[in-house]
Amino acid sequence: MGAKDRVGRAGEQLAREWLTRQGLQILDANWRCPIGELDIVALDGDELAFVEVKTRTSTAFGHPAESITRAKLARLRRLAGAWVAVHDVHASGMRIDVVAILRRSGEPTLVEHVQGVG
């Protein structure tokens, strides 16, 4: 596993822990199907949250959340539909969230949870 993969996996673990502390129930993590992968699926009250985690070690290429493009949102919507189709989970609504994590050397880790991005 390369350095980028290690940073990403560590970020996903941190995001799961952070979301759990915020009261969300993690239902699935790193769920894969032929069209891609969902980082985290969580239940927030009676609403499903499909969470994309973006972790960076600097802002040289922008804030981590800025990497969520329209095309990425469209893919996340398709993935959310695929997940719901194969799981027996009933919720009052669904949303796509982003957890942006910035882990700069020598500085505190920043975690930002943006709800309902698309």
C-alpha atoms as a PDB file:
ATOM      1  CA  MET A   1       0.000   0.000   0.000  1.00  0.00           C
ATOM      2  CA  GLY A   2       1.412   3.363  -1.022  1.00  0.00           C
ATOM      3  CA  ALA A   3       1.630   6.517   1.072  1.00  0.00           C
ATOM      4  CA  LYS A   4      -1.475   8.000  -0.595  1.00  0.00           C
ATOM      5  CA  ASP A   5      -3.474   4.844   0.174  1.00  0.00           C
ATOM      6  CA  ARG A   6      -2.294   4.885   3.814  1.00  0.00           C
ATOM      7  CA  VAL A   7      -3.338   8.533   4.173  1.00  0.00           C
ATOM      8  CA  GLY A   8      -6.735   7.730   2.641  1.00  0.00           C
ATOM      9  CA  ARG A   9      -7.378   4.684   4.831  1.00  0.00           C
ATOM     10  CA  ALA A  10      -6.309   6.545   7.967  1.00  0.00           C
ATOM     11  CA  GLY A  11      -8.650   9.381   6.994  1.00  0.00           C
ATOM     12  CA  GLU A  12     -11.554   6.982   6.508  1.00  0.00           C
ATOM     13  CA  GLN A  13     -10.944   5.451   9.938  1.00  0.00           C
ATOM     14  CA  LEU A  14     -10.803   8.912  11.504  1.00  0.00           C
ATOM     15  CA  ALA A  15     -14.033   9.878   9.692  1.00  0.00           C
ATOM     16  CA  ARG A  16     -15.850   6.760  10.979  1.00  0.00           C
ATOM     17  CA  GLU A  17     -14.761   7.529  14.537  1.00  0.00           C
ATOM     18  CA  TRP A  18     -15.721  11.206  14.207  1.00  0.00           C
ATOM     19  CA  LEU A  19     -19.146  10.419  12.722  1.00  0.00           C
ATOM     20  CA  THR A  20     -19.825   7.873  15.463  1.00  0.00           C
ATOM     21  CA  ARG A  21     -18.980  10.483  18.118  1.00  0.00           C
ATOM     22  CA  GLN A  22     -21.459  12.821  16.382  1.00  0.00           C
ATOM     23  CA  GLY A  23     -24.196  10.213  16.879  1.00  0.00           C
ATOM     24  CA  LEU A  24     -24.315   8.598  13.429  1.00  0.00           C
ATOM     25  CA  GLN A  25     -24.562   4.810  13.191  1.00  0.00           C
ATOM     26  CA  ILE A  26     -22.108   3.355  10.674  1.00  0.00           C
ATOM     27  CA  LEU A  27     -23.915   0.755   8.553  1.00  0.00           C
ATOM     28  CA  ASP A  28     -21.235   0.021   5.974  1.00  0.00           C
ATOM     29  CA  ALA A  29     -17.708   1.046   5.020  1.00  0.00           C
ATOM     30  CA  ASN A  30     -15.760   0.628   1.794  1.00  0.00           C
ATOM     31  CA  TRP A  31     -18.768  -0.967   0.080  1.00  0.00           C
ATOM     32  CA  ARG A  32     -17.935  -1.950  -3.475  1.00  0.00           C
ATOM     33  CA  CYS A  33     -19.976  -2.797  -6.531  1.00  0.00           C
ATOM     34  CA  PRO A  34     -19.194  -2.804 -10.267  1.00  0.00           C
ATOM     35  CA  ILE A  35     -19.642   0.978 -10.563  1.00  0.00           C
ATOM     36  CA  GLY A  36     -17.410   1.978  -7.660  1.00  0.00           C
ATOM     37  CA  GLU A  37     -17.057   2.284  -3.912  1.00  0.00           C
ATOM     38  CA  LEU A  38     -18.851   4.094  -1.112  1.00  0.00           C
ATOM     39  CA  ASP A  39     -16.520   5.138   1.702  1.00  0.00           C
ATOM     40  CA  ILE A  40     -19.147   5.202   4.466  1.00  0.00           C
ATOM     41  CA  VAL A  41     -22.874   4.573   4.733  1.00  0.00           C
ATOM     42  CA  ALA A  42     -24.364   5.841   7.985  1.00  0.00           C
ATOM     43  CA  LEU A  43     -27.728   6.348   9.596  1.00  0.00           C
ATOM     44  CA  ASP A  44     -28.241   9.844  11.001  1.00  0.00           C
ATOM     45  CA  GLY A  45     -31.482   9.602  12.922  1.00  0.00           C
ATOM     46  CA  ASP A  46     -33.859   8.270  10.289  1.00  0.00           C
ATOM     47  CA  GLU A  47     -31.860   9.564   7.306  1.00  0.00           C
ATOM     48  CA  LEU A  48     -29.247   7.655   5.320  1.00  0.00           C
ATOM     49  CA  ALA A  49     -25.974   9.486   4.767  1.00  0.00           C
ATOM     50  CA  PHE A  50     -23.644   8.326   2.004  1.00  0.00           C
ATOM     51  CA  VAL A  51     -20.324   9.814   3.024  1.00  0.00           C
ATOM     52  CA  GLU A  52     -17.361  10.497   0.752  1.00  0.00           C
ATOM     53  CA  VAL A  53     -14.124  10.980   2.702  1.00  0.00           C
ATOM     54  CA  LYS A  54     -11.402  13.202   1.279  1.00  0.00           C
ATOM     55  CA  THR A  55      -8.089  13.368   3.129  1.00  0.00           C
ATOM     56  CA  ARG A  56      -5.171  15.579   2.217  1.00  0.00           C
ATOM     57  CA  THR A  57      -1.875  16.467   3.832  1.00  0.00           C
ATOM     58  CA  SER A  58      -1.781  20.011   2.413  1.00  0.00           C
ATOM     59  CA  THR A  59      -3.923  22.530   0.608  1.00  0.00           C
ATOM     60  CA  ALA A  60      -1.520  22.761  -2.345  1.00  0.00           C
ATOM     61  CA  PHE A  61      -4.284  21.366  -4.568  1.00  0.00           C
ATOM     62  CA  GLY A  62      -7.122  23.066  -2.673  1.00  0.00           C
ATOM     63  CA  HIS A  63      -9.375  22.106   0.221  1.00  0.00           C
ATOM     64  CA  PRO A  64     -10.157  18.363   0.318  1.00  0.00           C
ATOM     65  CA  ALA A  65     -13.886  18.948  -0.294  1.00  0.00           C
ATOM     66  CA  GLU A  66     -13.118  20.845  -3.507  1.00  0.00           C
ATOM     67  CA  SER A  67     -12.324  17.543  -5.226  1.00  0.00           C
ATOM     68  CA  ILE A  68     -16.045  16.643  -5.259  1.00  0.00           C
ATOM     69  CA  THR A  69     -17.071  17.465  -8.812  1.00  0.00           C
ATOM     70  CA  ARG A  70     -20.471  17.197 -10.492  1.00  0.00           C
ATOM     71  CA  ALA A  71     -19.343  13.961 -12.104  1.00  0.00           C
ATOM     72  CA  LYS A  72     -18.274  12.584  -8.704  1.00  0.00           C
ATOM     73  CA  LEU A  73     -21.645  13.580  -7.196  1.00  0.00           C
ATOM     74  CA  ALA A  74     -23.478  11.843 -10.038  1.00  0.00           C
ATOM     75  CA  ARG A  75     -21.453   8.681  -9.423  1.00  0.00           C
ATOM     76  CA  LEU A  76     -22.138   8.874  -5.681  1.00  0.00           C
ATOM     77  CA  ARG A  77     -25.868   9.145  -6.409  1.00  0.00           C
ATOM     78  CA  ARG A  78     -25.709   6.019  -8.586  1.00  0.00           C
ATOM     79  CA  LEU A  79     -23.725   4.201  -5.905  1.00  0.00           C
ATOM     80  CA  ALA A  80     -26.257   5.231  -3.227  1.00  0.00           C
ATOM     81  CA  GLY A  81     -29.063   3.826  -5.375  1.00  0.00           C
ATOM     82  CA  ALA A  82     -27.135   0.585  -5.872  1.00  0.00           C
ATOM     83  CA  TRP A  83     -26.509   0.271  -2.119  1.00  0.00           C
ATOM     84  CA  VAL A  84     -30.182   0.831  -1.268  1.00  0.00           C
ATOM     85  CA  ALA A  85     -31.216  -1.743  -3.886  1.00  0.00           C
ATOM     86  CA  VAL A  86     -29.320  -4.540  -2.113  1.00  0.00           C
ATOM     87  CA  HIS A  87     -29.849  -3.592   1.549  1.00  0.00           C
ATOM     88  CA  ASP A  88     -33.018  -3.858   3.604  1.00  0.00           C
ATOM     89  CA  VAL A  89     -32.733  -0.452   5.258  1.00  0.00           C
ATOM     90  CA  HIS A  90     -35.683   1.889   5.437  1.00  0.00           C
ATOM     91  CA  ALA A  91     -35.049   5.586   5.985  1.00  0.00           C
ATOM     92  CA  SER A  92     -37.088   8.760   5.657  1.00  0.00           C
ATOM     93  CA  GLY A  93     -34.494  10.314   3.364  1.00  0.00           C
ATOM     94  CA  MET A  94     -31.045  10.085   1.870  1.00  0.00           C
ATOM     95  CA  ARG A  95     -28.230  12.548   1.434  1.00  0.00           C
ATOM     96  CA  ILE A  96     -24.639  12.704   0.265  1.00  0.00           C
ATOM     97  CA  ASP A  97     -22.128  14.112   2.717  1.00  0.00           C
ATOM     98  CA  VAL A  98     -18.427  14.844   2.574  1.00  0.00           C
ATOM     99  CA  VAL A  99     -15.978  14.520   5.427  1.00  0.00           C
ATOM    100  CA  ALA A 100     -12.939  16.604   4.541  1.00  0.00           C
ATOM    101  CA  ILE A 101      -9.806  15.876   6.555  1.00  0.00           C
ATOM    102  CA  LEU A 102      -6.645  17.937   6.507  1.00  0.00           C
ATOM    103  CA  ARG A 103      -3.644  16.272   8.181  1.00  0.00           C
ATOM    104  CA  ARG A 104      -0.748  18.721   7.941  1.00  0.00           C
ATOM    105  CA  SER A 105       2.530  17.821   9.582  1.00  0.00           C
ATOM    106  CA  GLY A 106       3.017  19.536  12.925  1.00  0.00           C
ATOM    107  CA  GLU A 107      -0.529  20.932  13.017  1.00  0.00           C
ATOM    108  CA  PRO A 108      -3.784  19.648  14.512  1.00  0.00           C
ATOM    109  CA  THR A 109      -5.886  17.486  12.218  1.00  0.00           C
ATOM    110  CA  LEU A 110      -8.900  19.355  10.864  1.00  0.00           C
ATOM    111  CA  VAL A 111     -12.173  17.460  10.250  1.00  0.00           C
ATOM    112  CA  GLU A 112     -15.075  19.117   8.462  1.00  0.00           C
ATOM    113  CA  HIS A 113     -18.407  17.353   7.880  1.00  0.00           C
ATOM    114  CA  VAL A 114     -20.445  18.919   5.094  1.00  0.00           C
ATOM    115  CA  GLN A 115     -23.972  17.510   4.980  1.00  0.00           C
ATOM    116  CA  GLY A 116     -26.162  17.300   1.910  1.00  0.00           C
ATOM    117  CA  VAL A 117     -23.678  18.279  -0.777  1.00  0.00           C
ATOM    118  CA  GLY A 118     -25.745  16.788  -3.540  1.00  0.00           C
END
